[in-house]
Amino acid sequence: MKTFAVLVTIALLGLVSTSVAFKDPLGKLRKQVCDACVELVTKAEKAEGNLDDYLNTHVSKVCDHAVLLLFKQVCVVVLTDMSIDLEKSIKEQLPPKEACQNVKLC
């Protein structure tokens, strides 16, 4: 969680330094991470094989939709950090949105 806070701070500083003006930059970041989480869980539910391997190899793919490179990096770090908890939720067959809400990504 501390890593997430540091990365969010870095993301905000990056936004300010590049003069990209969003009304709510954290809201945009949260939405992108939430969307990536839901996409990852949805695809992982359908995947065959080792769930842990699938999650670890597909995190960067679902984070590719991020508008800014810094958002992508935050997305990858956060989803990687939460992959163990997401794996548990998938095994419990929770809906993707609920699984992501359980780890506070949505």
PDB file of N, CA and C in Angstrom:
ATOM      1  N   MET A   1       0.825  -1.179   0.000  1.00  0.00           N
ATOM      2  CA  MET A   1       0.000   0.000   0.000  1.00  0.00           C
ATOM      3  C   MET A   1       0.875   1.252   0.000  1.00  0.00           C
ATOM      4  N   LYS A   2       2.000   1.169   0.712  1.00  0.00           N
ATOM      5  CA  LYS A   2       2.921   2.302   0.747  1.00  0.00           C
ATOM      6  C   LYS A   2       3.466   2.563  -0.658  1.00  0.00           C
ATOM      7  N   THR A   3       3.742   1.478  -1.397  1.00  0.00           N
ATOM      8  CA  THR A   3       4.233   1.610  -2.761  1.00  0.00           C
ATOM      9  C   THR A   3       3.216   2.356  -3.611  1.00  0.00           C
ATOM     10  N   PHE A   4       1.949   2.007  -3.443  1.00  0.00           N
ATOM     11  CA  PHE A   4       0.892   2.662  -4.206  1.00  0.00           C
ATOM     12  C   PHE A   4       0.869   4.160  -3.918  1.00  0.00           C
ATOM     13  N   ALA A   5       0.968   4.541  -2.656  1.00  0.00           N
ATOM     14  CA  ALA A   5       0.938   5.955  -2.283  1.00  0.00           C
ATOM     15  C   ALA A   5       2.115   6.705  -2.905  1.00  0.00           C
ATOM     16  N   VAL A   6       3.280   6.092  -2.891  1.00  0.00           N
ATOM     17  CA  VAL A   6       4.466   6.726  -3.475  1.00  0.00           C
ATOM     18  C   VAL A   6       4.282   6.891  -4.978  1.00  0.00           C
ATOM     19  N   LEU A   7       3.769   5.844  -5.625  1.00  0.00           N
ATOM     20  CA  LEU A   7       3.583   5.917  -7.067  1.00  0.00           C
ATOM     21  C   LEU A   7       2.519   6.937  -7.452  1.00  0.00           C
ATOM     22  N   VAL A   8       1.480   7.036  -6.668  1.00  0.00           N
ATOM     23  CA  VAL A   8       0.449   8.040  -6.936  1.00  0.00           C
ATOM     24  C   VAL A   8       1.042   9.439  -6.810  1.00  0.00           C
ATOM     25  N   THR A   9       1.859   9.649  -5.796  1.00  0.00           N
ATOM     26  CA  THR A   9       2.512  10.947  -5.623  1.00  0.00           C
ATOM     27  C   THR A   9       3.398  11.265  -6.821  1.00  0.00           C
ATOM     28  N   ILE A  10       4.154  10.288  -7.268  1.00  0.00           N
ATOM     29  CA  ILE A  10       5.014  10.480  -8.439  1.00  0.00           C
ATOM     30  C   ILE A  10       4.167  10.792  -9.665  1.00  0.00           C
ATOM     31  N   ALA A  11       3.057  10.075  -9.806  1.00  0.00           N
ATOM     32  CA  ALA A  11       2.168  10.318 -10.943  1.00  0.00           C
ATOM     33  C   ALA A  11       1.644  11.750 -10.928  1.00  0.00           C
ATOM     34  N   LEU A  12       1.259  12.214  -9.759  1.00  0.00           N
ATOM     35  CA  LEU A  12       0.755  13.584  -9.651  1.00  0.00           C
ATOM     36  C   LEU A  12       1.838  14.604  -9.988  1.00  0.00           C
ATOM     37  N   LEU A  13       3.036  14.367  -9.502  1.00  0.00           N
ATOM     38  CA  LEU A  13       4.137  15.281  -9.811  1.00  0.00           C
ATOM     39  C   LEU A  13       4.429  15.279 -11.308  1.00  0.00           C
ATOM     40  N   GLY A  14       4.344  14.120 -11.909  1.00  0.00           N
ATOM     41  CA  GLY A  14       4.548  14.022 -13.349  1.00  0.00           C
ATOM     42  C   GLY A  14       3.496  14.787 -14.121  1.00  0.00           C
ATOM     43  N   LEU A  15       2.264  14.715 -13.660  1.00  0.00           N
ATOM     44  CA  LEU A  15       1.192  15.455 -14.322  1.00  0.00           C
ATOM     45  C   LEU A  15       1.407  16.954 -14.222  1.00  0.00           C
ATOM     46  N   VAL A  16       1.801  17.402 -13.057  1.00  0.00           N
ATOM     47  CA  VAL A  16       2.028  18.830 -12.855  1.00  0.00           C
ATOM     48  C   VAL A  16       3.202  19.300 -13.707  1.00  0.00           C
ATOM     49  N   SER A  17       4.263  18.529 -13.740  1.00  0.00           N
ATOM     50  CA  SER A  17       5.459  18.954 -14.463  1.00  0.00           C
ATOM     51  C   SER A  17       5.264  18.942 -15.973  1.00  0.00           C
ATOM     52  N   THR A  18       4.349  18.128 -16.480  1.00  0.00           N
ATOM     53  CA  THR A  18       4.113  18.096 -17.923  1.00  0.00           C
ATOM     54  C   THR A  18       2.949  18.986 -18.326  1.00  0.00           C
ATOM     55  N   SER A  19       2.385  19.680 -17.373  1.00  0.00           N
ATOM     56  CA  SER A  19       1.274  20.607 -17.605  1.00  0.00           C
ATOM     57  C   SER A  19       0.042  19.930 -18.191  1.00  0.00           C
ATOM     58  N   VAL A  20      -0.132  18.667 -17.916  1.00  0.00           N
ATOM     59  CA  VAL A  20      -1.345  17.973 -18.330  1.00  0.00           C
ATOM     60  C   VAL A  20      -2.396  18.291 -17.285  1.00  0.00           C
ATOM     61  N   ALA A  21      -3.469  18.909 -17.705  1.00  0.00           N
ATOM     62  CA  ALA A  21      -4.476  19.356 -16.743  1.00  0.00           C
ATOM     63  C   ALA A  21      -5.698  18.444 -16.785  1.00  0.00           C
ATOM     64  N   PHE A  22      -5.910  17.716 -15.719  1.00  0.00           N
ATOM     65  CA  PHE A  22      -7.111  16.920 -15.528  1.00  0.00           C
ATOM     66  C   PHE A  22      -7.855  17.540 -14.357  1.00  0.00           C
ATOM     67  N   LYS A  23      -9.172  17.475 -14.412  1.00  0.00           N
ATOM     68  CA  LYS A  23      -9.935  17.987 -13.280  1.00  0.00           C
ATOM     69  C   LYS A  23      -9.670  17.150 -12.040  1.00  0.00           C
ATOM     70  N   ASP A  24      -9.541  15.866 -12.222  1.00  0.00           N
ATOM     71  CA  ASP A  24      -9.312  14.952 -11.101  1.00  0.00           C
ATOM     72  C   ASP A  24      -8.313  13.882 -11.541  1.00  0.00           C
ATOM     73  N   PRO A  25      -7.014  14.182 -11.504  1.00  0.00           N
ATOM     74  CA  PRO A  25      -6.020  13.222 -11.991  1.00  0.00           C
ATOM     75  C   PRO A  25      -6.048  11.897 -11.243  1.00  0.00           C
ATOM     76  N   LEU A  26      -6.321  11.928  -9.957  1.00  0.00           N
ATOM     77  CA  LEU A  26      -6.399  10.664  -9.220  1.00  0.00           C
ATOM     78  C   LEU A  26      -7.607   9.856  -9.654  1.00  0.00           C
ATOM     79  N   GLY A  27      -8.688  10.536  -9.969  1.00  0.00           N
ATOM     80  CA  GLY A  27      -9.885   9.844 -10.443  1.00  0.00           C
ATOM     81  C   GLY A  27      -9.613   9.110 -11.741  1.00  0.00           C
ATOM     82  N   LYS A  28      -8.885   9.753 -12.623  1.00  0.00           N
ATOM     83  CA  LYS A  28      -8.539   9.129 -13.899  1.00  0.00           C
ATOM     84  C   LYS A  28      -7.629   7.918 -13.673  1.00  0.00           C
ATOM     85  N   LEU A  29      -6.663   8.064 -12.794  1.00  0.00           N
ATOM     86  CA  LEU A  29      -5.769   6.956 -12.476  1.00  0.00           C
ATOM     87  C   LEU A  29      -6.544   5.803 -11.844  1.00  0.00           C
ATOM     88  N   ARG A  30      -7.398   6.120 -10.882  1.00  0.00           N
ATOM     89  CA  ARG A  30      -8.199   5.077 -10.224  1.00  0.00           C
ATOM     90  C   ARG A  30      -9.060   4.333 -11.231  1.00  0.00           C
ATOM     91  N   LYS A  31      -9.677   5.071 -12.152  1.00  0.00           N
ATOM     92  CA  LYS A  31     -10.531   4.435 -13.151  1.00  0.00           C
ATOM     93  C   LYS A  31      -9.720   3.513 -14.046  1.00  0.00           C
ATOM     94  N   GLN A  32      -8.552   3.957 -14.470  1.00  0.00           N
ATOM     95  CA  GLN A  32      -7.729   3.122 -15.342  1.00  0.00           C
ATOM     96  C   GLN A  32      -7.253   1.866 -14.621  1.00  0.00           C
ATOM     97  N   VAL A  33      -6.866   2.000 -13.363  1.00  0.00           N
ATOM     98  CA  VAL A  33      -6.427   0.828 -12.596  1.00  0.00           C
ATOM     99  C   VAL A  33      -7.609  -0.107 -12.358  1.00  0.00           C
ATOM    100  N   CYS A  34      -8.764   0.445 -12.038  1.00  0.00           N
ATOM    101  CA  CYS A  34      -9.964  -0.369 -11.827  1.00  0.00           C
ATOM    102  C   CYS A  34     -10.325  -1.117 -13.106  1.00  0.00           C
ATOM    103  N   ASP A  35     -10.363  -0.409 -14.229  1.00  0.00           N
ATOM    104  CA  ASP A  35     -10.700  -1.041 -15.508  1.00  0.00           C
ATOM    105  C   ASP A  35      -9.708  -2.149 -15.856  1.00  0.00           C
ATOM    106  N   ALA A  36      -8.429  -1.888 -15.625  1.00  0.00           N
ATOM    107  CA  ALA A  36      -7.404  -2.895 -15.905  1.00  0.00           C
ATOM    108  C   ALA A  36      -7.575  -4.106 -14.992  1.00  0.00           C
ATOM    109  N   CYS A  37      -7.901  -3.869 -13.738  1.00  0.00           N
ATOM    110  CA  CYS A  37      -8.115  -4.956 -12.783  1.00  0.00           C
ATOM    111  C   CYS A  37      -9.289  -5.825 -13.216  1.00  0.00           C
ATOM    112  N   VAL A  38     -10.399  -5.187 -13.562  1.00  0.00           N
ATOM    113  CA  VAL A  38     -11.590  -5.931 -13.987  1.00  0.00           C
ATOM    114  C   VAL A  38     -11.281  -6.737 -15.249  1.00  0.00           C
ATOM    115  N   GLU A  39     -10.574  -6.139 -16.190  1.00  0.00           N
ATOM    116  CA  GLU A  39     -10.201  -6.847 -17.416  1.00  0.00           C
ATOM    117  C   GLU A  39      -9.296  -8.040 -17.097  1.00  0.00           C
ATOM    118  N   LEU A  40      -8.322  -7.836 -16.230  1.00  0.00           N
ATOM    119  CA  LEU A  40      -7.404  -8.916 -15.859  1.00  0.00           C
ATOM    120  C   LEU A  40      -8.149 -10.073 -15.202  1.00  0.00           C
ATOM    121  N   VAL A  41      -9.018  -9.776 -14.258  1.00  0.00           N
ATOM    122  CA  VAL A  41      -9.767 -10.824 -13.556  1.00  0.00           C
ATOM    123  C   VAL A  41     -10.704 -11.544 -14.522  1.00  0.00           C
ATOM    124  N   THR A  42     -11.371 -10.796 -15.392  1.00  0.00           N
ATOM    125  CA  THR A  42     -12.285 -11.391 -16.372  1.00  0.00           C
ATOM    126  C   THR A  42     -11.546 -12.382 -17.262  1.00  0.00           C
ATOM    127  N   LYS A  43     -10.401 -11.976 -17.776  1.00  0.00           N
ATOM    128  CA  LYS A  43      -9.623 -12.853 -18.654  1.00  0.00           C
ATOM    129  C   LYS A  43      -9.018 -14.021 -17.882  1.00  0.00           C
ATOM    130  N   ALA A  44      -8.596 -13.777 -16.655  1.00  0.00           N
ATOM    131  CA  ALA A  44      -7.987 -14.841 -15.846  1.00  0.00           C
ATOM    132  C   ALA A  44      -9.000 -15.929 -15.512  1.00  0.00           C
ATOM    133  N   GLU A  45     -10.259 -15.545 -15.334  1.00  0.00           N
ATOM    134  CA  GLU A  45     -11.301 -16.535 -15.041  1.00  0.00           C
ATOM    135  C   GLU A  45     -11.461 -17.532 -16.183  1.00  0.00           C
ATOM    136  N   LYS A  46     -11.210 -17.073 -17.396  1.00  0.00           N
ATOM    137  CA  LYS A  46     -11.374 -17.916 -18.583  1.00  0.00           C
ATOM    138  C   LYS A  46     -10.094 -18.657 -18.957  1.00  0.00           C
ATOM    139  N   ALA A  47      -8.998 -18.268 -18.359  1.00  0.00           N
ATOM    140  CA  ALA A  47      -7.696 -18.838 -18.719  1.00  0.00           C
ATOM    141  C   ALA A  47      -7.541 -20.252 -18.179  1.00  0.00           C
ATOM    142  N   GLU A  48      -6.768 -21.008 -18.897  1.00  0.00           N
ATOM    143  CA  GLU A  48      -6.442 -22.361 -18.447  1.00  0.00           C
ATOM    144  C   GLU A  48      -5.003 -22.367 -17.955  1.00  0.00           C
ATOM    145  N   GLY A  49      -4.692 -23.313 -17.115  1.00  0.00           N
ATOM    146  CA  GLY A  49      -3.327 -23.420 -16.615  1.00  0.00           C
ATOM    147  C   GLY A  49      -3.164 -22.754 -15.265  1.00  0.00           C
ATOM    148  N   ASN A  50      -1.926 -22.458 -14.947  1.00  0.00           N
ATOM    149  CA  ASN A  50      -1.575 -21.880 -13.655  1.00  0.00           C
ATOM    150  C   ASN A  50      -2.056 -20.432 -13.566  1.00  0.00           C
ATOM    151  N   LEU A  51      -2.940 -20.179 -12.636  1.00  0.00           N
ATOM    152  CA  LEU A  51      -3.534 -18.853 -12.476  1.00  0.00           C
ATOM    153  C   LEU A  51      -2.495 -17.804 -12.086  1.00  0.00           C
ATOM    154  N   ASP A  52      -1.584 -18.158 -11.203  1.00  0.00           N
ATOM    155  CA  ASP A  52      -0.540 -17.229 -10.768  1.00  0.00           C
ATOM    156  C   ASP A  52       0.320 -16.795 -11.953  1.00  0.00           C
ATOM    157  N   ASP A  53       0.724 -17.755 -12.778  1.00  0.00           N
ATOM    158  CA  ASP A  53       1.524 -17.432 -13.965  1.00  0.00           C
ATOM    159  C   ASP A  53       0.746 -16.533 -14.920  1.00  0.00           C
ATOM    160  N   TYR A  54      -0.527 -16.853 -15.104  1.00  0.00           N
ATOM    161  CA  TYR A  54      -1.352 -16.044 -16.004  1.00  0.00           C
ATOM    162  C   TYR A  54      -1.411 -14.594 -15.526  1.00  0.00           C
ATOM    163  N   LEU A  55      -1.713 -14.411 -14.254  1.00  0.00           N
ATOM    164  CA  LEU A  55      -1.821 -13.051 -13.715  1.00  0.00           C
ATOM    165  C   LEU A  55      -0.513 -12.286 -13.894  1.00  0.00           C
ATOM    166  N   ASN A  56       0.590 -12.918 -13.561  1.00  0.00           N
ATOM    167  CA  ASN A  56       1.886 -12.234 -13.642  1.00  0.00           C
ATOM    168  C   ASN A  56       2.292 -11.889 -15.068  1.00  0.00           C
ATOM    169  N   THR A  57       1.915 -12.724 -16.027  1.00  0.00           N
ATOM    170  CA  THR A  57       2.322 -12.462 -17.409  1.00  0.00           C
ATOM    171  C   THR A  57       1.367 -11.534 -18.151  1.00  0.00           C
ATOM    172  N   HIS A  58       0.179 -11.329 -17.628  1.00  0.00           N
ATOM    173  CA  HIS A  58      -0.798 -10.508 -18.344  1.00  0.00           C
ATOM    174  C   HIS A  58      -1.053  -9.134 -17.719  1.00  0.00           C
ATOM    175  N   VAL A  59      -0.439  -8.852 -16.599  1.00  0.00           N
ATOM    176  CA  VAL A  59      -0.639  -7.552 -15.951  1.00  0.00           C
ATOM    177  C   VAL A  59      -0.269  -6.409 -16.891  1.00  0.00           C
ATOM    178  N   SER A  60       0.888  -6.479 -17.503  1.00  0.00           N
ATOM    179  CA  SER A  60       1.315  -5.358 -18.351  1.00  0.00           C
ATOM    180  C   SER A  60       0.423  -5.205 -19.580  1.00  0.00           C
ATOM    181  N   LYS A  61      -0.154  -6.299 -20.056  1.00  0.00           N
ATOM    182  CA  LYS A  61      -1.038  -6.220 -21.227  1.00  0.00           C
ATOM    183  C   LYS A  61      -2.312  -5.453 -20.912  1.00  0.00           C
ATOM    184  N   VAL A  62      -2.896  -5.692 -19.749  1.00  0.00           N
ATOM    185  CA  VAL A  62      -4.139  -4.984 -19.422  1.00  0.00           C
ATOM    186  C   VAL A  62      -3.869  -3.534 -19.025  1.00  0.00           C
ATOM    187  N   CYS A  63      -2.648  -3.239 -18.653  1.00  0.00           N
ATOM    188  CA  CYS A  63      -2.296  -1.856 -18.297  1.00  0.00           C
ATOM    189  C   CYS A  63      -1.874  -1.042 -19.518  1.00  0.00           C
ATOM    190  N   ASP A  64      -1.790  -1.670 -20.678  1.00  0.00           N
ATOM    191  CA  ASP A  64      -1.385  -0.967 -21.897  1.00  0.00           C
ATOM    192  C   ASP A  64      -2.362   0.121 -22.321  1.00  0.00           C
ATOM    193  N   HIS A  65      -3.580   0.085 -21.806  1.00  0.00           N
ATOM    194  CA  HIS A  65      -4.589   1.071 -22.189  1.00  0.00           C
ATOM    195  C   HIS A  65      -4.363   2.420 -21.513  1.00  0.00           C
ATOM    196  N   ALA A  66      -3.452   2.473 -20.583  1.00  0.00           N
ATOM    197  CA  ALA A  66      -3.196   3.717 -19.847  1.00  0.00           C
ATOM    198  C   ALA A  66      -2.734   4.812 -20.808  1.00  0.00           C
ATOM    199  N   VAL A  67      -3.265   6.001 -20.618  1.00  0.00           N
ATOM    200  CA  VAL A  67      -2.973   7.126 -21.502  1.00  0.00           C
ATOM    201  C   VAL A  67      -1.522   7.590 -21.353  1.00  0.00           C
ATOM    202  N   LEU A  68      -1.071   7.750 -20.138  1.00  0.00           N
ATOM    203  CA  LEU A  68       0.291   8.206 -19.879  1.00  0.00           C
ATOM    204  C   LEU A  68       1.164   7.042 -19.430  1.00  0.00           C
ATOM    205  N   LEU A  69       2.419   7.067 -19.818  1.00  0.00           N
ATOM    206  CA  LEU A  69       3.349   6.008 -19.437  1.00  0.00           C
ATOM    207  C   LEU A  69       3.416   5.846 -17.929  1.00  0.00           C
ATOM    208  N   LEU A  70       3.387   6.949 -17.211  1.00  0.00           N
ATOM    209  CA  LEU A  70       3.449   6.887 -15.752  1.00  0.00           C
ATOM    210  C   LEU A  70       2.236   6.157 -15.180  1.00  0.00           C
ATOM    211  N   PHE A  71       1.052   6.375 -15.764  1.00  0.00           N
ATOM    212  CA  PHE A  71      -0.144   5.658 -15.329  1.00  0.00           C
ATOM    213  C   PHE A  71       0.038   4.160 -15.556  1.00  0.00           C
ATOM    214  N   LYS A  72       0.630   3.801 -16.698  1.00  0.00           N
ATOM    215  CA  LYS A  72       0.849   2.384 -16.992  1.00  0.00           C
ATOM    216  C   LYS A  72       1.762   1.769 -15.938  1.00  0.00           C
ATOM    217  N   GLN A  73       2.815   2.467 -15.590  1.00  0.00           N
ATOM    218  CA  GLN A  73       3.750   1.941 -14.599  1.00  0.00           C
ATOM    219  C   GLN A  73       3.078   1.759 -13.244  1.00  0.00           C
ATOM    220  N   VAL A  74       2.258   2.716 -12.849  1.00  0.00           N
ATOM    221  CA  VAL A  74       1.518   2.602 -11.589  1.00  0.00           C
ATOM    222  C   VAL A  74       0.575   1.409 -11.661  1.00  0.00           C
ATOM    223  N   CYS A  75      -0.129   1.280 -12.762  1.00  0.00           N
ATOM    224  CA  CYS A  75      -1.069   0.174 -12.963  1.00  0.00           C
ATOM    225  C   CYS A  75      -0.364  -1.174 -12.816  1.00  0.00           C
ATOM    226  N   VAL A  76       0.767  -1.330 -13.463  1.00  0.00           N
ATOM    227  CA  VAL A  76       1.512  -2.595 -13.411  1.00  0.00           C
ATOM    228  C   VAL A  76       1.957  -2.911 -11.984  1.00  0.00           C
ATOM    229  N   VAL A  77       2.504  -1.930 -11.299  1.00  0.00           N
ATOM    230  CA  VAL A  77       2.982  -2.154  -9.930  1.00  0.00           C
ATOM    231  C   VAL A  77       1.828  -2.533  -9.006  1.00  0.00           C
ATOM    232  N   VAL A  78       0.728  -1.804  -9.108  1.00  0.00           N
ATOM    233  CA  VAL A  78      -0.413  -2.048  -8.215  1.00  0.00           C
ATOM    234  C   VAL A  78      -1.023  -3.421  -8.477  1.00  0.00           C
ATOM    235  N   LEU A  79      -1.265  -3.756  -9.738  1.00  0.00           N
ATOM    236  CA  LEU A  79      -1.868  -5.061 -10.037  1.00  0.00           C
ATOM    237  C   LEU A  79      -0.933  -6.212  -9.676  1.00  0.00           C
ATOM    238  N   THR A  80       0.352  -6.014  -9.875  1.00  0.00           N
ATOM    239  CA  THR A  80       1.313  -7.052  -9.492  1.00  0.00           C
ATOM    240  C   THR A  80       1.297  -7.255  -7.979  1.00  0.00           C
ATOM    241  N   ASP A  81       1.278  -6.157  -7.239  1.00  0.00           N
ATOM    242  CA  ASP A  81       1.235  -6.250  -5.773  1.00  0.00           C
ATOM    243  C   ASP A  81      -0.033  -6.942  -5.278  1.00  0.00           C
ATOM    244  N   MET A  82      -1.124  -6.778  -5.984  1.00  0.00           N
ATOM    245  CA  MET A  82      -2.415  -7.324  -5.550  1.00  0.00           C
ATOM    246  C   MET A  82      -2.731  -8.681  -6.168  1.00  0.00           C
ATOM    247  N   SER A  83      -1.836  -9.225  -6.981  1.00  0.00           N
ATOM    248  CA  SER A  83      -2.149 -10.444  -7.728  1.00  0.00           C
ATOM    249  C   SER A  83      -2.472 -11.639  -6.834  1.00  0.00           C
ATOM    250  N   ILE A  84      -1.842 -11.752  -5.684  1.00  0.00           N
ATOM    251  CA  ILE A  84      -2.130 -12.877  -4.778  1.00  0.00           C
ATOM    252  C   ILE A  84      -3.560 -12.780  -4.262  1.00  0.00           C
ATOM    253  N   ASP A  85      -3.966 -11.575  -3.857  1.00  0.00           N
ATOM    254  CA  ASP A  85      -5.335 -11.384  -3.376  1.00  0.00           C
ATOM    255  C   ASP A  85      -6.346 -11.551  -4.505  1.00  0.00           C
ATOM    256  N   LEU A  86      -6.002 -11.095  -5.697  1.00  0.00           N
ATOM    257  CA  LEU A  86      -6.899 -11.276  -6.837  1.00  0.00           C
ATOM    258  C   LEU A  86      -7.053 -12.752  -7.172  1.00  0.00           C
ATOM    259  N   GLU A  87      -5.959 -13.493  -7.070  1.00  0.00           N
ATOM    260  CA  GLU A  87      -6.009 -14.930  -7.332  1.00  0.00           C
ATOM    261  C   GLU A  87      -6.975 -15.618  -6.367  1.00  0.00           C
ATOM    262  N   LYS A  88      -6.934 -15.242  -5.103  1.00  0.00           N
ATOM    263  CA  LYS A  88      -7.859 -15.817  -4.114  1.00  0.00           C
ATOM    264  C   LYS A  88      -9.304 -15.513  -4.483  1.00  0.00           C
ATOM    265  N   SER A  89      -9.565 -14.288  -4.885  1.00  0.00           N
ATOM    266  CA  SER A  89     -10.924 -13.900  -5.262  1.00  0.00           C
ATOM    267  C   SER A  89     -11.407 -14.657  -6.493  1.00  0.00           C
ATOM    268  N   ILE A  90     -10.507 -14.877  -7.440  1.00  0.00           N
ATOM    269  CA  ILE A  90     -10.864 -15.634  -8.643  1.00  0.00           C
ATOM    270  C   ILE A  90     -11.201 -17.074  -8.269  1.00  0.00           C
ATOM    271  N   LYS A  91     -10.397 -17.660  -7.394  1.00  0.00           N
ATOM    272  CA  LYS A  91     -10.660 -19.037  -6.953  1.00  0.00           C
ATOM    273  C   LYS A  91     -11.975 -19.141  -6.182  1.00  0.00           C
ATOM    274  N   GLU A  92     -12.367 -18.051  -5.525  1.00  0.00           N
ATOM    275  CA  GLU A  92     -13.653 -18.014  -4.820  1.00  0.00           C
ATOM    276  C   GLU A  92     -14.798 -17.687  -5.775  1.00  0.00           C
ATOM    277  N   GLN A  93     -14.470 -17.498  -7.049  1.00  0.00           N
ATOM    278  CA  GLN A  93     -15.432 -17.220  -8.121  1.00  0.00           C
ATOM    279  C   GLN A  93     -16.228 -15.932  -7.893  1.00  0.00           C
ATOM    280  N   LEU A  94     -15.565 -14.937  -7.351  1.00  0.00           N
ATOM    281  CA  LEU A  94     -16.203 -13.630  -7.201  1.00  0.00           C
ATOM    282  C   LEU A  94     -16.287 -12.956  -8.570  1.00  0.00           C
ATOM    283  N   PRO A  95     -17.320 -12.164  -8.802  1.00  0.00           N
ATOM    284  CA  PRO A  95     -17.378 -11.395 -10.051  1.00  0.00           C
ATOM    285  C   PRO A  95     -16.163 -10.464 -10.141  1.00  0.00           C
ATOM    286  N   PRO A  96     -15.675 -10.195 -11.358  1.00  0.00           N
ATOM    287  CA  PRO A  96     -14.470  -9.374 -11.518  1.00  0.00           C
ATOM    288  C   PRO A  96     -14.517  -8.033 -10.793  1.00  0.00           C
ATOM    289  N   LYS A  97     -15.598  -7.310 -10.909  1.00  0.00           N
ATOM    290  CA  LYS A  97     -15.694  -5.994 -10.258  1.00  0.00           C
ATOM    291  C   LYS A  97     -15.603  -6.145  -8.739  1.00  0.00           C
ATOM    292  N   GLU A  98     -16.266  -7.162  -8.196  1.00  0.00           N
ATOM    293  CA  GLU A  98     -16.230  -7.391  -6.750  1.00  0.00           C
ATOM    294  C   GLU A  98     -14.826  -7.780  -6.290  1.00  0.00           C
ATOM    295  N   ALA A  99     -14.146  -8.603  -7.090  1.00  0.00           N
ATOM    296  CA  ALA A  99     -12.775  -8.999  -6.752  1.00  0.00           C
ATOM    297  C   ALA A  99     -11.875  -7.767  -6.670  1.00  0.00           C
ATOM    298  N   CYS A 100     -12.046  -6.847  -7.599  1.00  0.00           N
ATOM    299  CA  CYS A 100     -11.232  -5.628  -7.612  1.00  0.00           C
ATOM    300  C   CYS A 100     -11.633  -4.674  -6.492  1.00  0.00           C
ATOM    301  N   GLN A 101     -12.899  -4.661  -6.148  1.00  0.00           N
ATOM    302  CA  GLN A 101     -13.348  -3.843  -5.021  1.00  0.00           C
ATOM    303  C   GLN A 101     -12.789  -4.387  -3.709  1.00  0.00           C
ATOM    304  N   ASN A 102     -12.695  -5.701  -3.594  1.00  0.00           N
ATOM    305  CA  ASN A 102     -12.171  -6.314  -2.369  1.00  0.00           C
ATOM    306  C   ASN A 102     -10.728  -5.905  -2.085  1.00  0.00           C
ATOM    307  N   VAL A 103      -9.960  -5.647  -3.129  1.00  0.00           N
ATOM    308  CA  VAL A 103      -8.567  -5.224  -2.941  1.00  0.00           C
ATOM    309  C   VAL A 103      -8.422  -3.704  -3.082  1.00  0.00           C
ATOM    310  N   LYS A 104      -9.563  -3.026  -3.041  1.00  0.00           N
ATOM    311  CA  LYS A 104      -9.611  -1.552  -3.048  1.00  0.00           C
ATOM    312  C   LYS A 104      -9.052  -0.923  -4.322  1.00  0.00           C
ATOM    313  N   LEU A 105      -9.223  -1.616  -5.451  1.00  0.00           N
ATOM    314  CA  LEU A 105      -8.784  -1.049  -6.721  1.00  0.00           C
ATOM    315  C   LEU A 105      -9.938  -0.445  -7.510  1.00  0.00           C
ATOM    316  N   CYS A 106     -11.144  -0.632  -7.030  1.00  0.00           N
ATOM    317  CA  CYS A 106     -12.334  -0.033  -7.667  1.00  0.00           C
ATOM    318  C   CYS A 106     -13.182   0.626  -6.600  1.00  0.00           C
TER     319      CYS A 106
END
